[in-house]
Amino acid sequence: EQAGGSLRLSCVASGRSLSSHAMGWFRQSAGKEREFVAT
């Protein structure tokens, strides 16, 4: 995507319901530690 644009990520869980659990997003760029994005 170009700078200023938008994207929507989805994460689908299978195997069991996750409705009782906290969920989060992290990201990792080249040469860097994985970092927290949102929860």
PDB file of all heavy atoms in Angstrom:
ATOM      1  N   GLU A   1       0.857  -1.185   0.000  1.00  0.00           N
ATOM      2  CA  GLU A   1       0.000   0.000   0.000  1.00  0.00           C
ATOM      3  C   GLU A   1       0.896   1.239   0.000  1.00  0.00           C
ATOM      4  O   GLU A   1       2.018   1.205   0.503  1.00  0.00           O
ATOM      5  CB  GLU A   1      -0.912  -0.019   1.245  1.00  0.00           C
ATOM      6  CG  GLU A   1      -1.897   1.128   1.333  1.00  0.00           C
ATOM      7  CD  GLU A   1      -2.840   1.184   0.145  1.00  0.00           C
ATOM      8  OE1 GLU A   1      -3.706   0.293   0.021  1.00  0.00           O
ATOM      9  OE2 GLU A   1      -2.676   2.112  -0.674  1.00  0.00           O
ATOM     10  N   GLN A   2       0.380   2.308  -0.560  1.00  0.00           N
ATOM     11  CA  GLN A   2       1.124   3.560  -0.554  1.00  0.00           C
ATOM     12  C   GLN A   2       0.963   4.273   0.792  1.00  0.00           C
ATOM     13  O   GLN A   2      -0.025   4.055   1.508  1.00  0.00           O
ATOM     14  CB  GLN A   2       0.620   4.473  -1.669  1.00  0.00           C
ATOM     15  CG  GLN A   2       0.947   3.983  -3.069  1.00  0.00           C
ATOM     16  CD  GLN A   2       0.525   4.980  -4.141  1.00  0.00           C
ATOM     17  OE1 GLN A   2      -0.336   5.818  -3.918  1.00  0.00           O
ATOM     18  NE2 GLN A   2       1.156   4.880  -5.302  1.00  0.00           N
ATOM     19  N   ALA A   3       1.911   5.097   1.104  1.00  0.00           N
ATOM     20  CA  ALA A   3       1.808   5.908   2.316  1.00  0.00           C
ATOM     21  C   ALA A   3       0.526   6.729   2.282  1.00  0.00           C
ATOM     22  O   ALA A   3       0.163   7.283   1.242  1.00  0.00           O
ATOM     23  CB  ALA A   3       3.020   6.817   2.443  1.00  0.00           C
ATOM     24  N   GLY A   4      -0.149   6.759   3.419  1.00  0.00           N
ATOM     25  CA  GLY A   4      -1.424   7.451   3.516  1.00  0.00           C
ATOM     26  C   GLY A   4      -2.621   6.566   3.254  1.00  0.00           C
ATOM     27  O   GLY A   4      -3.770   6.966   3.523  1.00  0.00           O
ATOM     28  N   GLY A   5      -2.379   5.378   2.749  1.00  0.00           N
ATOM     29  CA  GLY A   5      -3.448   4.450   2.441  1.00  0.00           C
ATOM     30  C   GLY A   5      -3.892   3.634   3.636  1.00  0.00           C
ATOM     31  O   GLY A   5      -3.442   3.866   4.776  1.00  0.00           O
ATOM     32  N   SER A   6      -4.753   2.662   3.369  1.00  0.00           N
ATOM     33  CA  SER A   6      -5.346   1.852   4.430  1.00  0.00           C
ATOM     34  C   SER A   6      -5.299   0.373   4.061  1.00  0.00           C
ATOM     35  O   SER A   6      -5.350   0.017   2.885  1.00  0.00           O
ATOM     36  CB  SER A   6      -6.811   2.249   4.667  1.00  0.00           C
ATOM     37  OG  SER A   6      -6.925   3.590   5.073  1.00  0.00           O
ATOM     38  N   LEU A   7      -5.220  -0.438   5.082  1.00  0.00           N
ATOM     39  CA  LEU A   7      -5.344  -1.879   4.952  1.00  0.00           C
ATOM     40  C   LEU A   7      -6.121  -2.397   6.152  1.00  0.00           C
ATOM     41  O   LEU A   7      -6.064  -1.802   7.238  1.00  0.00           O
ATOM     42  CB  LEU A   7      -3.980  -2.570   4.900  1.00  0.00           C
ATOM     43  CG  LEU A   7      -3.163  -2.474   3.616  1.00  0.00           C
ATOM     44  CD1 LEU A   7      -1.766  -3.045   3.843  1.00  0.00           C
ATOM     45  CD2 LEU A   7      -3.844  -3.189   2.471  1.00  0.00           C
ATOM     46  N   ARG A   8      -6.808  -3.515   5.961  1.00  0.00           N
ATOM     47  CA  ARG A   8      -7.515  -4.149   7.069  1.00  0.00           C
ATOM     48  C   ARG A   8      -7.042  -5.586   7.191  1.00  0.00           C
ATOM     49  O   ARG A   8      -7.214  -6.381   6.271  1.00  0.00           O
ATOM     50  CB  ARG A   8      -9.024  -4.125   6.841  1.00  0.00           C
ATOM     51  CG  ARG A   8      -9.836  -4.592   8.058  1.00  0.00           C
ATOM     52  CD  ARG A   8     -11.255  -4.901   7.672  1.00  0.00           C
ATOM     53  NE  ARG A   8     -12.141  -4.987   8.830  1.00  0.00           N
ATOM     54  CZ  ARG A   8     -13.296  -5.642   8.815  1.00  0.00           C
ATOM     55  NH1 ARG A   8     -13.703  -6.250   7.710  1.00  0.00           N
ATOM     56  NH2 ARG A   8     -14.049  -5.666   9.900  1.00  0.00           N
ATOM     57  N   LEU A   9      -6.441  -5.892   8.325  1.00  0.00           N
ATOM     58  CA  LEU A   9      -5.991  -7.243   8.593  1.00  0.00           C
ATOM     59  C   LEU A   9      -7.068  -8.012   9.348  1.00  0.00           C
ATOM     60  O   LEU A   9      -7.781  -7.443  10.174  1.00  0.00           O
ATOM     61  CB  LEU A   9      -4.711  -7.233   9.419  1.00  0.00           C
ATOM     62  CG  LEU A   9      -3.546  -6.424   8.868  1.00  0.00           C
ATOM     63  CD1 LEU A   9      -2.315  -6.601   9.763  1.00  0.00           C
ATOM     64  CD2 LEU A   9      -3.223  -6.781   7.442  1.00  0.00           C
ATOM     65  N   SER A  10      -7.157  -9.284   9.054  1.00  0.00           N
ATOM     66  CA  SER A  10      -8.076 -10.177   9.762  1.00  0.00           C
ATOM     67  C   SER A  10      -7.293 -11.342  10.331  1.00  0.00           C
ATOM     68  O   SER A  10      -6.293 -11.771   9.753  1.00  0.00           O
ATOM     69  CB  SER A  10      -9.160 -10.709   8.817  1.00  0.00           C
ATOM     70  OG  SER A  10      -9.927  -9.667   8.269  1.00  0.00           O
ATOM     71  N   CYS A  11      -7.769 -11.859  11.433  1.00  0.00           N
ATOM     72  CA  CYS A  11      -7.171 -13.043  12.053  1.00  0.00           C
ATOM     73  C   CYS A  11      -8.322 -13.946  12.485  1.00  0.00           C
ATOM     74  O   CYS A  11      -9.074 -13.589  13.393  1.00  0.00           O
ATOM     75  CB  CYS A  11      -6.303 -12.649  13.230  1.00  0.00           C
ATOM     76  SG  CYS A  11      -5.679 -14.040  14.194  1.00  0.00           S
ATOM     77  N   VAL A  12      -8.425 -15.076  11.826  1.00  0.00           N
ATOM     78  CA  VAL A  12      -9.497 -16.023  12.118  1.00  0.00           C
ATOM     79  C   VAL A  12      -8.932 -17.179  12.943  1.00  0.00           C
ATOM     80  O   VAL A  12      -7.903 -17.761  12.582  1.00  0.00           O
ATOM     81  CB  VAL A  12     -10.130 -16.563  10.830  1.00  0.00           C
ATOM     82  CG1 VAL A  12     -11.247 -17.536  11.167  1.00  0.00           C
ATOM     83  CG2 VAL A  12     -10.655 -15.421   9.978  1.00  0.00           C
ATOM     84  N   ALA A  13      -9.620 -17.488  14.005  1.00  0.00           N
ATOM     85  CA  ALA A  13      -9.205 -18.593  14.860  1.00  0.00           C
ATOM     86  C   ALA A  13     -10.078 -19.811  14.598  1.00  0.00           C
ATOM     87  O   ALA A  13     -11.283 -19.698  14.441  1.00  0.00           O
ATOM     88  CB  ALA A  13      -9.313 -18.190  16.325  1.00  0.00           C
ATOM     89  N   SER A  14      -9.457 -20.948  14.571  1.00  0.00           N
ATOM     90  CA  SER A  14     -10.189 -22.207  14.416  1.00  0.00           C
ATOM     91  C   SER A  14      -9.745 -23.183  15.490  1.00  0.00           C
ATOM     92  O   SER A  14      -8.661 -23.048  16.059  1.00  0.00           O
ATOM     93  CB  SER A  14      -9.942 -22.809  13.031  1.00  0.00           C
ATOM     94  OG  SER A  14      -8.575 -23.094  12.853  1.00  0.00           O
ATOM     95  N   GLY A  15     -10.580 -24.125  15.785  1.00  0.00           N
ATOM     96  CA  GLY A  15     -10.229 -25.145  16.760  1.00  0.00           C
ATOM     97  C   GLY A  15     -10.950 -24.997  18.090  1.00  0.00           C
ATOM     98  O   GLY A  15     -11.205 -25.979  18.762  1.00  0.00           O
ATOM     99  N   ARG A  16     -11.196 -23.760  18.495  1.00  0.00           N
ATOM    100  CA  ARG A  16     -11.945 -23.512  19.725  1.00  0.00           C
ATOM    101  C   ARG A  16     -12.369 -22.056  19.759  1.00  0.00           C
ATOM    102  O   ARG A  16     -11.788 -21.221  19.067  1.00  0.00           O
ATOM    103  CB  ARG A  16     -11.111 -23.837  20.963  1.00  0.00           C
ATOM    104  CG  ARG A  16      -9.842 -23.043  21.068  1.00  0.00           C
ATOM    105  CD  ARG A  16      -9.015 -23.408  22.275  1.00  0.00           C
ATOM    106  NE  ARG A  16      -9.366 -22.638  23.451  1.00  0.00           N
ATOM    107  CZ  ARG A  16      -8.610 -22.587  24.531  1.00  0.00           C
ATOM    108  NH1 ARG A  16      -7.509 -23.305  24.622  1.00  0.00           N
ATOM    109  NH2 ARG A  16      -8.986 -21.868  25.575  1.00  0.00           N
ATOM    110  N   SER A  17     -13.317 -21.751  20.566  1.00  0.00           N
ATOM    111  CA  SER A  17     -13.752 -20.373  20.709  1.00  0.00           C
ATOM    112  C   SER A  17     -12.729 -19.582  21.526  1.00  0.00           C
ATOM    113  O   SER A  17     -12.218 -20.068  22.531  1.00  0.00           O
ATOM    114  CB  SER A  17     -15.099 -20.310  21.425  1.00  0.00           C
ATOM    115  OG  SER A  17     -15.435 -18.983  21.741  1.00  0.00           O
ATOM    116  N   LEU A  18     -12.452 -18.353  21.057  1.00  0.00           N
ATOM    117  CA  LEU A  18     -11.522 -17.495  21.773  1.00  0.00           C
ATOM    118  C   LEU A  18     -12.230 -16.316  22.420  1.00  0.00           C
ATOM    119  O   LEU A  18     -11.598 -15.325  22.785  1.00  0.00           O
ATOM    120  CB  LEU A  18     -10.440 -16.994  20.810  1.00  0.00           C
ATOM    121  CG  LEU A  18      -9.581 -18.087  20.163  1.00  0.00           C
ATOM    122  CD1 LEU A  18      -8.513 -17.473  19.292  1.00  0.00           C
ATOM    123  CD2 LEU A  18      -8.976 -18.995  21.220  1.00  0.00           C
ATOM    124  N   SER A  19     -13.527 -16.432  22.565  1.00  0.00           N
ATOM    125  CA  SER A  19     -14.315 -15.300  23.035  1.00  0.00           C
ATOM    126  C   SER A  19     -14.024 -14.915  24.484  1.00  0.00           C
ATOM    127  O   SER A  19     -14.412 -13.830  24.905  1.00  0.00           O
ATOM    128  CB  SER A  19     -15.806 -15.602  22.878  1.00  0.00           C
ATOM    129  OG  SER A  19     -16.169 -16.738  23.629  1.00  0.00           O
ATOM    130  N   SER A  20     -13.349 -15.772  25.232  1.00  0.00           N
ATOM    131  CA  SER A  20     -13.048 -15.472  26.629  1.00  0.00           C
ATOM    132  C   SER A  20     -11.630 -14.947  26.825  1.00  0.00           C
ATOM    133  O   SER A  20     -11.222 -14.685  27.961  1.00  0.00           O
ATOM    134  CB  SER A  20     -13.220 -16.736  27.482  1.00  0.00           C
ATOM    135  OG  SER A  20     -14.503 -17.266  27.356  1.00  0.00           O
ATOM    136  N   HIS A  21     -10.892 -14.803  25.742  1.00  0.00           N
ATOM    137  CA  HIS A  21      -9.456 -14.524  25.822  1.00  0.00           C
ATOM    138  C   HIS A  21      -9.070 -13.191  25.194  1.00  0.00           C
ATOM    139  O   HIS A  21      -9.653 -12.789  24.182  1.00  0.00           O
ATOM    140  CB  HIS A  21      -8.672 -15.624  25.116  1.00  0.00           C
ATOM    141  CG  HIS A  21      -8.936 -16.997  25.647  1.00  0.00           C
ATOM    142  ND1 HIS A  21      -8.411 -17.440  26.847  1.00  0.00           N
ATOM    143  CD2 HIS A  21      -9.666 -18.015  25.147  1.00  0.00           C
ATOM    144  CE1 HIS A  21      -8.814 -18.672  27.057  1.00  0.00           C
ATOM    145  NE2 HIS A  21      -9.575 -19.055  26.048  1.00  0.00           N
ATOM    146  N   ALA A  22      -8.067 -12.560  25.782  1.00  0.00           N
ATOM    147  CA  ALA A  22      -7.488 -11.372  25.169  1.00  0.00           C
ATOM    148  C   ALA A  22      -6.754 -11.752  23.890  1.00  0.00           C
ATOM    149  O   ALA A  22      -6.147 -12.821  23.806  1.00  0.00           O
ATOM    150  CB  ALA A  22      -6.529 -10.700  26.139  1.00  0.00           C
ATOM    151  N   MET A  23      -6.810 -10.854  22.922  1.00  0.00           N
ATOM    152  CA  MET A  23      -6.106 -11.072  21.665  1.00  0.00           C
ATOM    153  C   MET A  23      -5.319  -9.814  21.320  1.00  0.00           C
ATOM    154  O   MET A  23      -5.681  -8.718  21.750  1.00  0.00           O
ATOM    155  CB  MET A  23      -7.074 -11.428  20.537  1.00  0.00           C
ATOM    156  CG  MET A  23      -7.820 -12.720  20.790  1.00  0.00           C
ATOM    157  SD  MET A  23      -8.762 -13.304  19.376  1.00  0.00           S
ATOM    158  CE  MET A  23      -7.443 -13.850  18.281  1.00  0.00           C
ATOM    159  N   GLY A  24      -4.268 -10.002  20.551  1.00  0.00           N
ATOM    160  CA  GLY A  24      -3.428  -8.863  20.238  1.00  0.00           C
ATOM    161  C   GLY A  24      -2.819  -8.951  18.854  1.00  0.00           C
ATOM    162  O   GLY A  24      -2.860  -9.993  18.199  1.00  0.00           O
ATOM    163  N   TRP A  25      -2.286  -7.833  18.430  1.00  0.00           N
ATOM    164  CA  TRP A  25      -1.516  -7.732  17.189  1.00  0.00           C
ATOM    165  C   TRP A  25      -0.108  -7.254  17.523  1.00  0.00           C
ATOM    166  O   TRP A  25       0.063  -6.322  18.315  1.00  0.00           O
ATOM    167  CB  TRP A  25      -2.161  -6.755  16.208  1.00  0.00           C
ATOM    168  CG  TRP A  25      -3.407  -7.253  15.549  1.00  0.00           C
ATOM    169  CD1 TRP A  25      -4.689  -7.023  15.936  1.00  0.00           C
ATOM    170  CD2 TRP A  25      -3.477  -8.075  14.379  1.00  0.00           C
ATOM    171  NE1 TRP A  25      -5.564  -7.649  15.077  1.00  0.00           N
ATOM    172  CE2 TRP A  25      -4.845  -8.293  14.100  1.00  0.00           C
ATOM    173  CE3 TRP A  25      -2.533  -8.642  13.514  1.00  0.00           C
ATOM    174  CZ2 TRP A  25      -5.290  -9.053  13.024  1.00  0.00           C
ATOM    175  CZ3 TRP A  25      -2.972  -9.393  12.447  1.00  0.00           C
ATOM    176  CH2 TRP A  25      -4.337  -9.598  12.200  1.00  0.00           C
ATOM    177  N   PHE A  26       0.864  -7.886  16.889  1.00  0.00           N
ATOM    178  CA  PHE A  26       2.257  -7.491  16.994  1.00  0.00           C
ATOM    179  C   PHE A  26       2.817  -7.362  15.586  1.00  0.00           C
ATOM    180  O   PHE A  26       2.202  -7.815  14.615  1.00  0.00           O
ATOM    181  CB  PHE A  26       3.058  -8.550  17.766  1.00  0.00           C
ATOM    182  CG  PHE A  26       2.761  -8.585  19.243  1.00  0.00           C
ATOM    183  CD1 PHE A  26       1.575  -9.122  19.719  1.00  0.00           C
ATOM    184  CD2 PHE A  26       3.664  -8.082  20.163  1.00  0.00           C
ATOM    185  CE1 PHE A  26       1.286  -9.141  21.075  1.00  0.00           C
ATOM    186  CE2 PHE A  26       3.398  -8.106  21.526  1.00  0.00           C
ATOM    187  CZ  PHE A  26       2.209  -8.639  21.975  1.00  0.00           C
ATOM    188  N   ARG A  27       3.981  -6.768  15.482  1.00  0.00           N
ATOM    189  CA  ARG A  27       4.640  -6.688  14.185  1.00  0.00           C
ATOM    190  C   ARG A  27       6.136  -6.809  14.347  1.00  0.00           C
ATOM    191  O   ARG A  27       6.689  -6.507  15.417  1.00  0.00           O
ATOM    192  CB  ARG A  27       4.284  -5.390  13.455  1.00  0.00           C
ATOM    193  CG  ARG A  27       4.801  -4.124  14.132  1.00  0.00           C
ATOM    194  CD  ARG A  27       4.244  -2.892  13.415  1.00  0.00           C
ATOM    195  NE  ARG A  27       4.758  -1.658  13.998  1.00  0.00           N
ATOM    196  CZ  ARG A  27       4.318  -0.444  13.643  1.00  0.00           C
ATOM    197  NH1 ARG A  27       3.380  -0.303  12.713  1.00  0.00           N
ATOM    198  NH2 ARG A  27       4.843   0.634  14.220  1.00  0.00           N
ATOM    199  N   GLN A  28       6.767  -7.264  13.288  1.00  0.00           N
ATOM    200  CA  GLN A  28       8.221  -7.403  13.300  1.00  0.00           C
ATOM    201  C   GLN A  28       8.769  -7.009  11.944  1.00  0.00           C
ATOM    202  O   GLN A  28       8.386  -7.595  10.919  1.00  0.00           O
ATOM    203  CB  GLN A  28       8.621  -8.838  13.635  1.00  0.00           C
ATOM    204  CG  GLN A  28      10.108  -9.020  13.840  1.00  0.00           C
ATOM    205  CD  GLN A  28      10.430 -10.375  14.451  1.00  0.00           C
ATOM    206  OE1 GLN A  28       9.632 -11.311  14.416  1.00  0.00           O
ATOM    207  NE2 GLN A  28      11.606 -10.488  15.052  1.00  0.00           N
ATOM    208  N   SER A  29       9.636  -6.025  11.957  1.00  0.00           N
ATOM    209  CA  SER A  29      10.292  -5.609  10.732  1.00  0.00           C
ATOM    210  C   SER A  29      11.703  -6.166  10.718  1.00  0.00           C
ATOM    211  O   SER A  29      12.224  -6.628  11.732  1.00  0.00           O
ATOM    212  CB  SER A  29      10.305  -4.084  10.603  1.00  0.00           C
ATOM    213  OG  SER A  29      10.826  -3.484  11.765  1.00  0.00           O
ATOM    214  N   ALA A  30      12.323  -6.133   9.545  1.00  0.00           N
ATOM    215  CA  ALA A  30      13.626  -6.762   9.352  1.00  0.00           C
ATOM    216  C   ALA A  30      14.655  -6.225  10.333  1.00  0.00           C
ATOM    217  O   ALA A  30      14.832  -5.007  10.459  1.00  0.00           O
ATOM    218  CB  ALA A  30      14.087  -6.552   7.918  1.00  0.00           C
ATOM    219  N   GLY A  31      15.295  -7.131  11.040  1.00  0.00           N
ATOM    220  CA  GLY A  31      16.363  -6.754  11.947  1.00  0.00           C
ATOM    221  C   GLY A  31      15.919  -6.186  13.273  1.00  0.00           C
ATOM    222  O   GLY A  31      16.745  -5.720  14.067  1.00  0.00           O
ATOM    223  N   LYS A  32      14.614  -6.218  13.524  1.00  0.00           N
ATOM    224  CA  LYS A  32      14.099  -5.649  14.772  1.00  0.00           C
ATOM    225  C   LYS A  32      13.358  -6.696  15.586  1.00  0.00           C
ATOM    226  O   LYS A  32      12.949  -7.739  15.077  1.00  0.00           O
ATOM    227  CB  LYS A  32      13.185  -4.464  14.467  1.00  0.00           C
ATOM    228  CG  LYS A  32      13.888  -3.276  13.838  1.00  0.00           C
ATOM    229  CD  LYS A  32      12.946  -2.080  13.727  1.00  0.00           C
ATOM    230  CE  LYS A  32      13.660  -0.870  13.152  1.00  0.00           C
ATOM    231  NZ  LYS A  32      12.750   0.300  13.058  1.00  0.00           N
ATOM    232  N   GLU A  33      13.200  -6.375  16.851  1.00  0.00           N
ATOM    233  CA  GLU A  33      12.425  -7.232  17.734  1.00  0.00           C
ATOM    234  C   GLU A  33      10.934  -7.123  17.395  1.00  0.00           C
ATOM    235  O   GLU A  33      10.479  -6.112  16.856  1.00  0.00           O
ATOM    236  CB  GLU A  33      12.634  -6.803  19.190  1.00  0.00           C
ATOM    237  CG  GLU A  33      14.059  -6.930  19.696  1.00  0.00           C
ATOM    238  CD  GLU A  33      14.411  -8.367  20.006  1.00  0.00           C
ATOM    239  OE1 GLU A  33      13.536  -9.080  20.514  1.00  0.00           O
ATOM    240  OE2 GLU A  33      15.553  -8.760  19.719  1.00  0.00           O
ATOM    241  N   ARG A  34      10.200  -8.184  17.729  1.00  0.00           N
ATOM    242  CA  ARG A  34       8.754  -8.130  17.570  1.00  0.00           C
ATOM    243  C   ARG A  34       8.204  -7.093  18.549  1.00  0.00           C
ATOM    244  O   ARG A  34       8.573  -7.073  19.726  1.00  0.00           O
ATOM    245  CB  ARG A  34       8.138  -9.501  17.850  1.00  0.00           C
ATOM    246  CG  ARG A  34       6.680  -9.604  17.519  1.00  0.00           C
ATOM    247  CD  ARG A  34       6.195 -11.042  17.580  1.00  0.00           C
ATOM    248  NE  ARG A  34       6.870 -11.875  16.593  1.00  0.00           N
ATOM    249  CZ  ARG A  34       6.519 -13.135  16.322  1.00  0.00           C
ATOM    250  NH1 ARG A  34       5.486 -13.690  16.980  1.00  0.00           N
ATOM    251  NH2 ARG A  34       7.167 -13.842  15.440  1.00  0.00           N
ATOM    252  N   GLU A  35       7.312  -6.231  18.052  1.00  0.00           N
ATOM    253  CA  GLU A  35       6.791  -5.165  18.894  1.00  0.00           C
ATOM    254  C   GLU A  35       5.273  -5.197  18.964  1.00  0.00           C
ATOM    255  O   GLU A  35       4.590  -5.586  18.018  1.00  0.00           O
ATOM    256  CB  GLU A  35       7.262  -3.789  18.389  1.00  0.00           C
ATOM    257  CG  GLU A  35       6.728  -3.381  17.048  1.00  0.00           C
ATOM    258  CD  GLU A  35       7.067  -1.932  16.717  1.00  0.00           C
ATOM    259  OE1 GLU A  35       7.543  -1.183  17.584  1.00  0.00           O
ATOM    260  OE2 GLU A  35       6.818  -1.543  15.552  1.00  0.00           O
ATOM    261  N   PHE A  36       4.794  -4.742  20.097  1.00  0.00           N
ATOM    262  CA  PHE A  36       3.367  -4.672  20.346  1.00  0.00           C
ATOM    263  C   PHE A  36       2.720  -3.602  19.482  1.00  0.00           C
ATOM    264  O   PHE A  36       3.287  -2.519  19.301  1.00  0.00           O
ATOM    265  CB  PHE A  36       3.132  -4.357  21.821  1.00  0.00           C
ATOM    266  CG  PHE A  36       1.727  -3.938  22.162  1.00  0.00           C
ATOM    267  CD1 PHE A  36       0.716  -4.873  22.222  1.00  0.00           C
ATOM    268  CD2 PHE A  36       1.436  -2.607  22.416  1.00  0.00           C
ATOM    269  CE1 PHE A  36      -0.574  -4.493  22.539  1.00  0.00           C
ATOM    270  CE2 PHE A  36       0.156  -2.206  22.731  1.00  0.00           C
ATOM    271  CZ  PHE A  36      -0.853  -3.150  22.793  1.00  0.00           C
ATOM    272  N   VAL A  37       1.534  -3.910  18.959  1.00  0.00           N
ATOM    273  CA  VAL A  37       0.782  -2.948  18.165  1.00  0.00           C
ATOM    274  C   VAL A  37      -0.534  -2.591  18.867  1.00  0.00           C
ATOM    275  O   VAL A  37      -0.816  -1.415  19.113  1.00  0.00           O
ATOM    276  CB  VAL A  37       0.488  -3.495  16.755  1.00  0.00           C
ATOM    277  CG1 VAL A  37      -0.413  -2.541  15.981  1.00  0.00           C
ATOM    278  CG2 VAL A  37       1.785  -3.753  16.000  1.00  0.00           C
ATOM    279  N   ALA A  38      -1.341  -3.605  19.178  1.00  0.00           N
ATOM    280  CA  ALA A  38      -2.652  -3.346  19.776  1.00  0.00           C
ATOM    281  C   ALA A  38      -3.157  -4.604  20.456  1.00  0.00           C
ATOM    282  O   ALA A  38      -2.761  -5.710  20.090  1.00  0.00           O
ATOM    283  CB  ALA A  38      -3.647  -2.892  18.718  1.00  0.00           C
ATOM    284  N   THR A  39      -4.034  -4.418  21.429  1.00  0.00           N
ATOM    285  CA  THR A  39      -4.659  -5.541  22.098  1.00  0.00           C
ATOM    286  C   THR A  39      -6.109  -5.218  22.391  1.00  0.00           C
ATOM    287  O   THR A  39      -6.489  -4.041  22.502  1.00  0.00           O
ATOM    288  CB  THR A  39      -3.917  -5.920  23.394  1.00  0.00           C
ATOM    289  OG1 THR A  39      -4.510  -7.101  23.958  1.00  0.00           O
ATOM    290  CG2 THR A  39      -3.985  -4.799  24.418  1.00  0.00           C
TER     291      THR A  39
END
